[in-house]
């Protein structure tokens, strides 16, 4: 009886430590210096449960927030710590580092602007990724790097993987903005922002061709069709359904392999929280498959 009581007491003492050891860690107010953006940039990061106790390196998922949020969005509203820990614990995702950069400070968005005055995409590839791979035990090969994001971050996911298919094993745009669907849409977008009179037709055309997901898919080189594994997810009540559906149709016509999901829901965190476990499973399969 005494032995049983002792065992029970020890279990009670050890349980909190065991549970803590199985938990990952999130920091959401970190910074890195940027010469390109002329100032410090914030980012959040998720480190998997065994990061502190191991010496091995990990694959990396760059997880992009939407308009109006910042690097804390996926932490506070997306519950990335709880969802990633659960997926890893249950064997549905491999342990990975998740990086969540801030694209809401200074100017909003993940793209280089039309005039070349705000080069966020350059910052992402030339400064953020090298910084992460130098600061953390991150695997540096394409096969261990993925990108995902919601809404504005879904657009960033599309454009980053389309611009640099040599850098990502997988891309998962969720409820994504897809940029201008036609050149006329780009002109109207700039006119609403009062920029149409300050840029040339050539600049508008170049910007459209770089930011229109539909244009890039329709003009994708043959040797890039299988370069990235695609997982596209958009709710049936989402106001961005048209662009996502047109991109899916274009990918089917171009015979670009991809997964396309339409689930019940709209443009909300409730929808994206249910999408994240599938994203983690999908990118994990990419990390193992290549």
C-alpha atoms as a PDB file:
ATOM      1  CA  UNK A   1       0.000   0.000   0.000  1.00  0.00           C
ATOM      2  CA  UNK A   2       2.833   2.373   0.903  1.00  0.00           C
ATOM      3  CA  UNK A   3       4.586   1.577  -2.389  1.00  0.00           C
ATOM      4  CA  UNK A   4       1.419   2.341  -4.329  1.00  0.00           C
ATOM      5  CA  UNK A   5       0.960   5.630  -2.475  1.00  0.00           C
ATOM      6  CA  UNK A   6       4.582   6.538  -3.099  1.00  0.00           C
ATOM      7  CA  UNK A   7       4.238   5.750  -6.809  1.00  0.00           C
ATOM      8  CA  UNK A   8       1.075   7.842  -7.021  1.00  0.00           C
ATOM      9  CA  UNK A   9       2.757  10.792  -5.286  1.00  0.00           C
ATOM     10  CA  UNK A  10       5.766  10.597  -7.592  1.00  0.00           C
ATOM     11  CA  UNK A  11       3.488  10.490 -10.631  1.00  0.00           C
ATOM     12  CA  UNK A  12       1.719  13.634  -9.433  1.00  0.00           C
ATOM     13  CA  UNK A  13       5.060  15.359  -8.945  1.00  0.00           C
ATOM     14  CA  UNK A  14       6.492  14.278 -12.291  1.00  0.00           C
ATOM     15  CA  UNK A  15       3.376  14.809 -14.443  1.00  0.00           C
ATOM     16  CA  UNK A  16       3.698  18.603 -14.797  1.00  0.00           C
ATOM     17  CA  UNK A  17       7.341  18.240 -15.799  1.00  0.00           C
ATOM     18  CA  UNK A  18       6.474  15.547 -18.353  1.00  0.00           C
ATOM     19  CA  UNK A  19       3.706  17.657 -19.825  1.00  0.00           C
ATOM     20  CA  UNK A  20       6.019  20.662 -19.995  1.00  0.00           C
ATOM     21  CA  UNK A  21       8.696  18.576 -21.716  1.00  0.00           C
ATOM     22  CA  UNK A  22       6.177  17.667 -24.429  1.00  0.00           C
ATOM     23  CA  UNK A  23       5.315  21.284 -25.184  1.00  0.00           C
ATOM     24  CA  UNK A  24       6.831  23.474 -27.829  1.00  0.00           C
ATOM     25  CA  UNK A  25       7.748  27.094 -27.277  1.00  0.00           C
ATOM     26  CA  UNK A  26       6.500  30.282 -28.924  1.00  0.00           C
ATOM     27  CA  UNK A  27       8.141  33.722 -28.835  1.00  0.00           C
ATOM     28  CA  UNK A  28       6.163  36.447 -30.575  1.00  0.00           C
ATOM     29  CA  UNK A  29       8.091  39.696 -30.050  1.00  0.00           C
ATOM     30  CA  UNK A  30      11.494  38.983 -31.577  1.00  0.00           C
ATOM     31  CA  UNK A  31      13.320  41.263 -33.994  1.00  0.00           C
ATOM     32  CA  UNK A  32      15.952  41.183 -36.701  1.00  0.00           C
ATOM     33  CA  UNK A  33      17.673  44.141 -38.356  1.00  0.00           C
ATOM     34  CA  UNK A  34      16.836  44.927 -41.983  1.00  0.00           C
ATOM     35  CA  UNK A  35      18.952  47.106 -44.227  1.00  0.00           C
ATOM     36  CA  UNK A  36      16.464  46.640 -47.049  1.00  0.00           C
ATOM     37  CA  UNK A  37      13.505  47.944 -45.003  1.00  0.00           C
ATOM     38  CA  UNK A  38      15.689  50.359 -43.018  1.00  0.00           C
ATOM     39  CA  UNK A  39      14.823  49.236 -39.504  1.00  0.00           C
ATOM     40  CA  UNK A  40      14.169  46.342 -37.195  1.00  0.00           C
ATOM     41  CA  UNK A  41      11.490  43.831 -38.200  1.00  0.00           C
ATOM     42  CA  UNK A  42       9.488  41.727 -35.785  1.00  0.00           C
ATOM     43  CA  UNK A  43       8.794  38.036 -36.098  1.00  0.00           C
ATOM     44  CA  UNK A  44       7.335  35.211 -34.041  1.00  0.00           C
ATOM     45  CA  UNK A  45       8.698  31.682 -33.916  1.00  0.00           C
ATOM     46  CA  UNK A  46       7.501  28.259 -32.811  1.00  0.00           C
ATOM     47  CA  UNK A  47      10.160  25.792 -31.695  1.00  0.00           C
ATOM     48  CA  UNK A  48       9.080  22.132 -31.439  1.00  0.00           C
ATOM     49  CA  UNK A  49       8.939  20.204 -28.140  1.00  0.00           C
ATOM     50  CA  UNK A  50      12.354  18.549 -28.450  1.00  0.00           C
ATOM     51  CA  UNK A  51      14.237  21.590 -29.775  1.00  0.00           C
ATOM     52  CA  UNK A  52      15.875  22.472 -26.439  1.00  0.00           C
ATOM     53  CA  UNK A  53      16.789  18.887 -25.595  1.00  0.00           C
ATOM     54  CA  UNK A  54      18.242  17.866 -28.963  1.00  0.00           C
ATOM     55  CA  UNK A  55      21.079  18.995 -31.175  1.00  0.00           C
ATOM     56  CA  UNK A  56      19.525  18.131 -34.527  1.00  0.00           C
ATOM     57  CA  UNK A  57      18.279  20.550 -37.167  1.00  0.00           C
ATOM     58  CA  UNK A  58      14.667  20.946 -38.269  1.00  0.00           C
ATOM     59  CA  UNK A  59      12.587  21.699 -41.357  1.00  0.00           C
ATOM     60  CA  UNK A  60      11.006  25.146 -41.477  1.00  0.00           C
ATOM     61  CA  UNK A  61       7.517  26.380 -42.283  1.00  0.00           C
ATOM     62  CA  UNK A  62       7.114  30.097 -42.983  1.00  0.00           C
ATOM     63  CA  UNK A  63       3.561  30.899 -41.865  1.00  0.00           C
ATOM     64  CA  UNK A  64       2.197  34.238 -43.107  1.00  0.00           C
ATOM     65  CA  UNK A  65      -0.549  36.313 -41.461  1.00  0.00           C
ATOM     66  CA  UNK A  66      -3.362  38.228 -43.157  1.00  0.00           C
ATOM     67  CA  UNK A  67      -4.124  41.928 -43.555  1.00  0.00           C
ATOM     68  CA  UNK A  68      -4.729  43.704 -40.263  1.00  0.00           C
ATOM     69  CA  UNK A  69      -2.748  41.187 -38.217  1.00  0.00           C
ATOM     70  CA  UNK A  70       0.964  41.014 -37.500  1.00  0.00           C
ATOM     71  CA  UNK A  71       3.437  38.348 -36.406  1.00  0.00           C
ATOM     72  CA  UNK A  72       1.247  37.575 -33.370  1.00  0.00           C
ATOM     73  CA  UNK A  73      -1.835  36.658 -35.421  1.00  0.00           C
ATOM     74  CA  UNK A  74      -1.142  32.948 -35.799  1.00  0.00           C
ATOM     75  CA  UNK A  75      -0.021  32.833 -32.159  1.00  0.00           C
ATOM     76  CA  UNK A  76      -2.972  34.619 -30.568  1.00  0.00           C
ATOM     77  CA  UNK A  77      -5.865  33.753 -32.890  1.00  0.00           C
ATOM     78  CA  UNK A  78      -4.475  30.798 -34.821  1.00  0.00           C
ATOM     79  CA  UNK A  79      -3.423  28.856 -31.703  1.00  0.00           C
ATOM     80  CA  UNK A  80      -0.288  27.665 -33.473  1.00  0.00           C
ATOM     81  CA  UNK A  81       1.350  26.408 -30.253  1.00  0.00           C
ATOM     82  CA  UNK A  82      -1.551  24.153 -29.274  1.00  0.00           C
ATOM     83  CA  UNK A  83      -2.238  22.925 -32.819  1.00  0.00           C
ATOM     84  CA  UNK A  84       1.400  22.215 -33.715  1.00  0.00           C
ATOM     85  CA  UNK A  85       2.115  20.489 -30.398  1.00  0.00           C
ATOM     86  CA  UNK A  86      -0.957  18.269 -30.834  1.00  0.00           C
ATOM     87  CA  UNK A  87      -0.120  17.389 -34.442  1.00  0.00           C
ATOM     88  CA  UNK A  88       3.458  16.457 -33.513  1.00  0.00           C
ATOM     89  CA  UNK A  89       2.405  14.550 -30.391  1.00  0.00           C
ATOM     90  CA  UNK A  90      -0.134  12.488 -32.346  1.00  0.00           C
ATOM     91  CA  UNK A  91       2.323  11.752 -35.151  1.00  0.00           C
ATOM     92  CA  UNK A  92       0.443  13.754 -37.794  1.00  0.00           C
ATOM     93  CA  UNK A  93       3.279  16.254 -38.270  1.00  0.00           C
ATOM     94  CA  UNK A  94       7.028  16.083 -38.032  1.00  0.00           C
ATOM     95  CA  UNK A  95       8.754  18.399 -35.522  1.00  0.00           C
ATOM     96  CA  UNK A  96       9.444  21.645 -37.338  1.00  0.00           C
ATOM     97  CA  UNK A  97      10.296  25.291 -36.785  1.00  0.00           C
ATOM     98  CA  UNK A  98       7.478  27.686 -37.695  1.00  0.00           C
ATOM     99  CA  UNK A  99       8.430  31.282 -38.532  1.00  0.00           C
ATOM    100  CA  UNK A 100       5.785  34.028 -38.561  1.00  0.00           C
ATOM    101  CA  UNK A 101       7.112  37.376 -39.864  1.00  0.00           C
ATOM    102  CA  UNK A 102       5.451  40.780 -39.455  1.00  0.00           C
ATOM    103  CA  UNK A 103       4.200  42.247 -42.751  1.00  0.00           C
ATOM    104  CA  UNK A 104       2.017  44.943 -41.188  1.00  0.00           C
ATOM    105  CA  UNK A 105       4.587  47.550 -40.092  1.00  0.00           C
ATOM    106  CA  UNK A 106       5.618  50.437 -42.348  1.00  0.00           C
ATOM    107  CA  UNK A 107       3.546  49.223 -45.264  1.00  0.00           C
ATOM    108  CA  UNK A 108       1.188  46.287 -45.352  1.00  0.00           C
ATOM    109  CA  UNK A 109       1.913  43.303 -47.560  1.00  0.00           C
ATOM    110  CA  UNK A 110       4.488  40.734 -48.634  1.00  0.00           C
ATOM    111  CA  UNK A 111       5.275  42.164 -52.093  1.00  0.00           C
ATOM    112  CA  UNK A 112       7.772  44.655 -53.414  1.00  0.00           C
ATOM    113  CA  UNK A 113       5.786  47.776 -54.282  1.00  0.00           C
ATOM    114  CA  UNK A 114       5.309  48.947 -57.843  1.00  0.00           C
ATOM    115  CA  UNK A 115       7.840  51.802 -57.564  1.00  0.00           C
ATOM    116  CA  UNK A 116      10.553  49.806 -55.827  1.00  0.00           C
ATOM    117  CA  UNK A 117      10.370  51.969 -52.715  1.00  0.00           C
ATOM    118  CA  UNK A 118       9.316  49.188 -50.301  1.00  0.00           C
ATOM    119  CA  UNK A 119      11.016  45.852 -50.979  1.00  0.00           C
ATOM    120  CA  UNK A 120       9.401  43.414 -48.542  1.00  0.00           C
ATOM    121  CA  UNK A 121       9.837  40.383 -50.775  1.00  0.00           C
ATOM    122  CA  UNK A 122      13.529  41.167 -51.103  1.00  0.00           C
ATOM    123  CA  UNK A 123      13.733  41.392 -47.305  1.00  0.00           C
ATOM    124  CA  UNK A 124      12.043  38.009 -46.939  1.00  0.00           C
ATOM    125  CA  UNK A 125      14.435  36.154 -49.221  1.00  0.00           C
ATOM    126  CA  UNK A 126      17.666  38.095 -48.765  1.00  0.00           C
ATOM    127  CA  UNK A 127      17.496  38.809 -45.024  1.00  0.00           C
ATOM    128  CA  UNK A 128      14.796  36.854 -43.164  1.00  0.00           C
ATOM    129  CA  UNK A 129      15.498  33.348 -44.466  1.00  0.00           C
ATOM    130  CA  UNK A 130      19.297  33.670 -44.074  1.00  0.00           C
ATOM    131  CA  UNK A 131      18.794  35.102 -40.568  1.00  0.00           C
ATOM    132  CA  UNK A 132      16.554  32.207 -39.510  1.00  0.00           C
ATOM    133  CA  UNK A 133      18.946  29.628 -40.934  1.00  0.00           C
ATOM    134  CA  UNK A 134      21.880  31.239 -39.135  1.00  0.00           C
ATOM    135  CA  UNK A 135      20.120  31.821 -35.804  1.00  0.00           C
ATOM    136  CA  UNK A 136      18.231  28.543 -35.425  1.00  0.00           C
ATOM    137  CA  UNK A 137      19.028  24.914 -36.179  1.00  0.00           C
ATOM    138  CA  UNK A 138      17.138  25.025 -39.462  1.00  0.00           C
ATOM    139  CA  UNK A 139      17.706  22.724 -42.400  1.00  0.00           C
ATOM    140  CA  UNK A 140      18.758  24.760 -45.419  1.00  0.00           C
ATOM    141  CA  UNK A 141      17.740  22.538 -48.327  1.00  0.00           C
ATOM    142  CA  UNK A 142      14.630  23.177 -50.467  1.00  0.00           C
ATOM    143  CA  UNK A 143      13.162  19.819 -49.449  1.00  0.00           C
ATOM    144  CA  UNK A 144      12.923  21.004 -45.835  1.00  0.00           C
ATOM    145  CA  UNK A 145      11.360  24.438 -46.462  1.00  0.00           C
ATOM    146  CA  UNK A 146       7.663  25.278 -46.895  1.00  0.00           C
ATOM    147  CA  UNK A 147       5.432  28.353 -46.938  1.00  0.00           C
ATOM    148  CA  UNK A 148       1.776  28.810 -45.975  1.00  0.00           C
ATOM    149  CA  UNK A 149      -0.493  31.695 -45.099  1.00  0.00           C
ATOM    150  CA  UNK A 150      -4.015  33.070 -44.968  1.00  0.00           C
ATOM    151  CA  UNK A 151      -5.718  35.788 -47.033  1.00  0.00           C
ATOM    152  CA  UNK A 152      -3.003  38.396 -47.716  1.00  0.00           C
ATOM    153  CA  UNK A 153      -0.553  35.774 -46.465  1.00  0.00           C
ATOM    154  CA  UNK A 154      -2.124  33.288 -48.875  1.00  0.00           C
ATOM    155  CA  UNK A 155      -1.278  35.687 -51.680  1.00  0.00           C
ATOM    156  CA  UNK A 156       2.261  35.899 -50.322  1.00  0.00           C
ATOM    157  CA  UNK A 157       2.367  32.103 -50.276  1.00  0.00           C
ATOM    158  CA  UNK A 158       1.307  31.893 -53.912  1.00  0.00           C
ATOM    159  CA  UNK A 159       3.701  34.563 -55.153  1.00  0.00           C
ATOM    160  CA  UNK A 160       6.710  33.449 -53.102  1.00  0.00           C
ATOM    161  CA  UNK A 161       6.443  29.830 -54.259  1.00  0.00           C
ATOM    162  CA  UNK A 162       5.744  30.872 -57.855  1.00  0.00           C
ATOM    163  CA  UNK A 163       8.657  33.319 -57.882  1.00  0.00           C
ATOM    164  CA  UNK A 164      11.035  30.893 -56.166  1.00  0.00           C
ATOM    165  CA  UNK A 165       9.974  27.279 -56.788  1.00  0.00           C
ATOM    166  CA  UNK A 166      13.605  26.288 -56.255  1.00  0.00           C
ATOM    167  CA  UNK A 167      13.315  27.233 -52.560  1.00  0.00           C
ATOM    168  CA  UNK A 168      10.124  25.516 -51.365  1.00  0.00           C
ATOM    169  CA  UNK A 169       9.053  21.903 -51.174  1.00  0.00           C
ATOM    170  CA  UNK A 170       5.428  22.825 -50.465  1.00  0.00           C
ATOM    171  CA  UNK A 171       3.091  25.817 -50.488  1.00  0.00           C
ATOM    172  CA  UNK A 172      -0.296  26.045 -48.767  1.00  0.00           C
ATOM    173  CA  UNK A 173      -2.356  29.178 -49.548  1.00  0.00           C
ATOM    174  CA  UNK A 174      -5.493  29.452 -47.372  1.00  0.00           C
ATOM    175  CA  UNK A 175      -8.432  31.697 -48.337  1.00  0.00           C
ATOM    176  CA  UNK A 176      -5.882  33.469 -50.487  1.00  0.00           C
ATOM    177  CA  UNK A 177      -5.984  36.789 -52.207  1.00  0.00           C
ATOM    178  CA  UNK A 178      -4.747  36.048 -55.708  1.00  0.00           C
ATOM    179  CA  UNK A 179      -3.759  39.479 -56.995  1.00  0.00           C
ATOM    180  CA  UNK A 180      -5.313  41.141 -60.070  1.00  0.00           C
ATOM    181  CA  UNK A 181      -7.106  38.651 -62.305  1.00  0.00           C
ATOM    182  CA  UNK A 182      -6.526  40.804 -65.409  1.00  0.00           C
ATOM    183  CA  UNK A 183      -4.349  43.759 -66.382  1.00  0.00           C
ATOM    184  CA  UNK A 184      -7.397  46.036 -66.200  1.00  0.00           C
ATOM    185  CA  UNK A 185      -7.917  44.971 -62.576  1.00  0.00           C
ATOM    186  CA  UNK A 186      -4.368  46.078 -61.754  1.00  0.00           C
ATOM    187  CA  UNK A 187      -5.016  49.505 -63.254  1.00  0.00           C
ATOM    188  CA  UNK A 188      -8.266  49.898 -61.315  1.00  0.00           C
ATOM    189  CA  UNK A 189      -6.538  48.786 -58.090  1.00  0.00           C
ATOM    190  CA  UNK A 190      -3.862  51.446 -58.524  1.00  0.00           C
ATOM    191  CA  UNK A 191      -6.458  54.086 -59.405  1.00  0.00           C
ATOM    192  CA  UNK A 192      -8.349  53.450 -56.160  1.00  0.00           C
ATOM    193  CA  UNK A 193      -5.093  54.112 -54.310  1.00  0.00           C
ATOM    194  CA  UNK A 194      -4.280  57.239 -56.292  1.00  0.00           C
ATOM    195  CA  UNK A 195      -1.175  55.695 -57.861  1.00  0.00           C
ATOM    196  CA  UNK A 196      -2.353  55.329 -61.448  1.00  0.00           C
ATOM    197  CA  UNK A 197      -1.007  58.746 -62.498  1.00  0.00           C
ATOM    198  CA  UNK A 198       2.419  58.262 -60.911  1.00  0.00           C
ATOM    199  CA  UNK A 199       3.461  55.051 -62.659  1.00  0.00           C
ATOM    200  CA  UNK A 200       3.879  54.154 -66.308  1.00  0.00           C
ATOM    201  CA  UNK A 201       1.924  51.576 -68.290  1.00  0.00           C
ATOM    202  CA  UNK A 202       5.085  49.484 -68.442  1.00  0.00           C
ATOM    203  CA  UNK A 203       5.382  49.548 -64.649  1.00  0.00           C
ATOM    204  CA  UNK A 204       1.748  48.500 -64.256  1.00  0.00           C
ATOM    205  CA  UNK A 205       2.192  45.633 -66.719  1.00  0.00           C
ATOM    206  CA  UNK A 206       5.365  44.416 -64.986  1.00  0.00           C
ATOM    207  CA  UNK A 207       3.695  44.626 -61.568  1.00  0.00           C
ATOM    208  CA  UNK A 208       0.619  42.764 -62.838  1.00  0.00           C
ATOM    209  CA  UNK A 209       2.689  39.955 -64.307  1.00  0.00           C
ATOM    210  CA  UNK A 210       4.578  39.601 -61.032  1.00  0.00           C
ATOM    211  CA  UNK A 211       1.559  39.780 -58.699  1.00  0.00           C
ATOM    212  CA  UNK A 212      -1.227  38.054 -60.612  1.00  0.00           C
ATOM    213  CA  UNK A 213      -1.304  34.437 -59.494  1.00  0.00           C
ATOM    214  CA  UNK A 214      -3.544  33.529 -62.438  1.00  0.00           C
ATOM    215  CA  UNK A 215      -1.113  35.084 -64.929  1.00  0.00           C
ATOM    216  CA  UNK A 216       1.862  33.257 -63.398  1.00  0.00           C
ATOM    217  CA  UNK A 217       0.050  29.911 -63.377  1.00  0.00           C
ATOM    218  CA  UNK A 218      -1.066  30.323 -67.000  1.00  0.00           C
ATOM    219  CA  UNK A 219       2.520  31.108 -67.992  1.00  0.00           C
ATOM    220  CA  UNK A 220       4.317  28.574 -65.812  1.00  0.00           C
ATOM    221  CA  UNK A 221       7.258  26.896 -67.583  1.00  0.00           C
ATOM    222  CA  UNK A 222       6.856  23.187 -68.195  1.00  0.00           C
ATOM    223  CA  UNK A 223       9.841  22.283 -66.010  1.00  0.00           C
ATOM    224  CA  UNK A 224       8.310  24.029 -62.969  1.00  0.00           C
ATOM    225  CA  UNK A 225       4.947  22.266 -62.918  1.00  0.00           C
ATOM    226  CA  UNK A 226       6.050  19.689 -60.365  1.00  0.00           C
ATOM    227  CA  UNK A 227       8.618  21.805 -58.543  1.00  0.00           C
ATOM    228  CA  UNK A 228       6.301  22.596 -55.594  1.00  0.00           C
ATOM    229  CA  UNK A 229       3.603  20.529 -53.882  1.00  0.00           C
ATOM    230  CA  UNK A 230       0.463  22.683 -53.669  1.00  0.00           C
ATOM    231  CA  UNK A 231      -2.359  22.572 -51.113  1.00  0.00           C
ATOM    232  CA  UNK A 232      -5.048  25.224 -51.730  1.00  0.00           C
ATOM    233  CA  UNK A 233      -7.959  25.660 -49.294  1.00  0.00           C
ATOM    234  CA  UNK A 234     -10.822  28.166 -49.431  1.00  0.00           C
ATOM    235  CA  UNK A 235     -14.214  28.194 -47.693  1.00  0.00           C
ATOM    236  CA  UNK A 236     -17.435  27.929 -49.676  1.00  0.00           C
ATOM    237  CA  UNK A 237     -18.650  31.219 -48.172  1.00  0.00           C
ATOM    238  CA  UNK A 238     -15.361  33.090 -48.587  1.00  0.00           C
ATOM    239  CA  UNK A 239     -15.469  36.335 -50.577  1.00  0.00           C
ATOM    240  CA  UNK A 240     -12.179  35.326 -52.235  1.00  0.00           C
ATOM    241  CA  UNK A 241     -13.691  32.175 -53.749  1.00  0.00           C
ATOM    242  CA  UNK A 242     -13.481  33.418 -57.356  1.00  0.00           C
ATOM    243  CA  UNK A 243      -9.727  33.895 -57.525  1.00  0.00           C
ATOM    244  CA  UNK A 244      -9.030  30.580 -55.775  1.00  0.00           C
ATOM    245  CA  UNK A 245     -11.434  28.723 -58.048  1.00  0.00           C
ATOM    246  CA  UNK A 246      -9.948  30.268 -61.207  1.00  0.00           C
ATOM    247  CA  UNK A 247      -6.429  29.373 -60.091  1.00  0.00           C
ATOM    248  CA  UNK A 248      -7.562  25.787 -59.432  1.00  0.00           C
ATOM    249  CA  UNK A 249      -9.142  25.579 -62.900  1.00  0.00           C
ATOM    250  CA  UNK A 250      -6.009  27.030 -64.508  1.00  0.00           C
ATOM    251  CA  UNK A 251      -3.833  24.518 -62.658  1.00  0.00           C
ATOM    252  CA  UNK A 252      -6.066  21.668 -63.846  1.00  0.00           C
ATOM    253  CA  UNK A 253      -5.862  22.875 -67.454  1.00  0.00           C
ATOM    254  CA  UNK A 254      -2.086  23.283 -67.225  1.00  0.00           C
ATOM    255  CA  UNK A 255      -1.800  19.858 -65.540  1.00  0.00           C
ATOM    256  CA  UNK A 256      -0.075  21.296 -62.485  1.00  0.00           C
ATOM    257  CA  UNK A 257      -0.449  18.775 -59.616  1.00  0.00           C
ATOM    258  CA  UNK A 258      -2.204  20.260 -56.582  1.00  0.00           C
ATOM    259  CA  UNK A 259      -4.710  19.577 -53.829  1.00  0.00           C
ATOM    260  CA  UNK A 260      -7.773  21.841 -53.792  1.00  0.00           C
ATOM    261  CA  UNK A 261     -10.167  21.960 -50.849  1.00  0.00           C
ATOM    262  CA  UNK A 262     -13.507  23.716 -50.516  1.00  0.00           C
ATOM    263  CA  UNK A 263     -14.864  23.308 -47.022  1.00  0.00           C
ATOM    264  CA  UNK A 264     -17.818  24.745 -45.153  1.00  0.00           C
ATOM    265  CA  UNK A 265     -16.920  28.193 -43.823  1.00  0.00           C
ATOM    266  CA  UNK A 266     -15.951  31.757 -44.543  1.00  0.00           C
ATOM    267  CA  UNK A 267     -13.073  34.153 -44.091  1.00  0.00           C
ATOM    268  CA  UNK A 268     -12.481  33.599 -40.386  1.00  0.00           C
ATOM    269  CA  UNK A 269     -10.038  32.347 -37.783  1.00  0.00           C
ATOM    270  CA  UNK A 270     -12.414  29.508 -37.008  1.00  0.00           C
ATOM    271  CA  UNK A 271     -11.854  28.270 -40.546  1.00  0.00           C
ATOM    272  CA  UNK A 272      -8.084  28.751 -40.544  1.00  0.00           C
ATOM    273  CA  UNK A 273      -7.613  26.980 -37.202  1.00  0.00           C
ATOM    274  CA  UNK A 274      -9.233  23.890 -38.722  1.00  0.00           C
ATOM    275  CA  UNK A 275      -7.015  24.233 -41.805  1.00  0.00           C
ATOM    276  CA  UNK A 276      -3.717  24.397 -39.928  1.00  0.00           C
ATOM    277  CA  UNK A 277      -3.543  20.699 -38.891  1.00  0.00           C
ATOM    278  CA  UNK A 278      -3.984  19.695 -42.543  1.00  0.00           C
ATOM    279  CA  UNK A 279      -1.276  22.163 -43.579  1.00  0.00           C
ATOM    280  CA  UNK A 280       1.142  20.735 -41.018  1.00  0.00           C
ATOM    281  CA  UNK A 281       0.425  17.190 -42.207  1.00  0.00           C
ATOM    282  CA  UNK A 282       0.807  18.191 -45.867  1.00  0.00           C
ATOM    283  CA  UNK A 283       4.140  19.973 -45.442  1.00  0.00           C
ATOM    284  CA  UNK A 284       5.400  17.121 -43.242  1.00  0.00           C
ATOM    285  CA  UNK A 285       4.708  14.699 -46.087  1.00  0.00           C
ATOM    286  CA  UNK A 286       6.698  17.020 -48.366  1.00  0.00           C
ATOM    287  CA  UNK A 287       9.628  17.066 -45.945  1.00  0.00           C
ATOM    288  CA  UNK A 288       9.667  13.270 -45.981  1.00  0.00           C
ATOM    289  CA  UNK A 289       8.819  12.687 -49.639  1.00  0.00           C
ATOM    290  CA  UNK A 290      11.435  14.591 -51.633  1.00  0.00           C
END
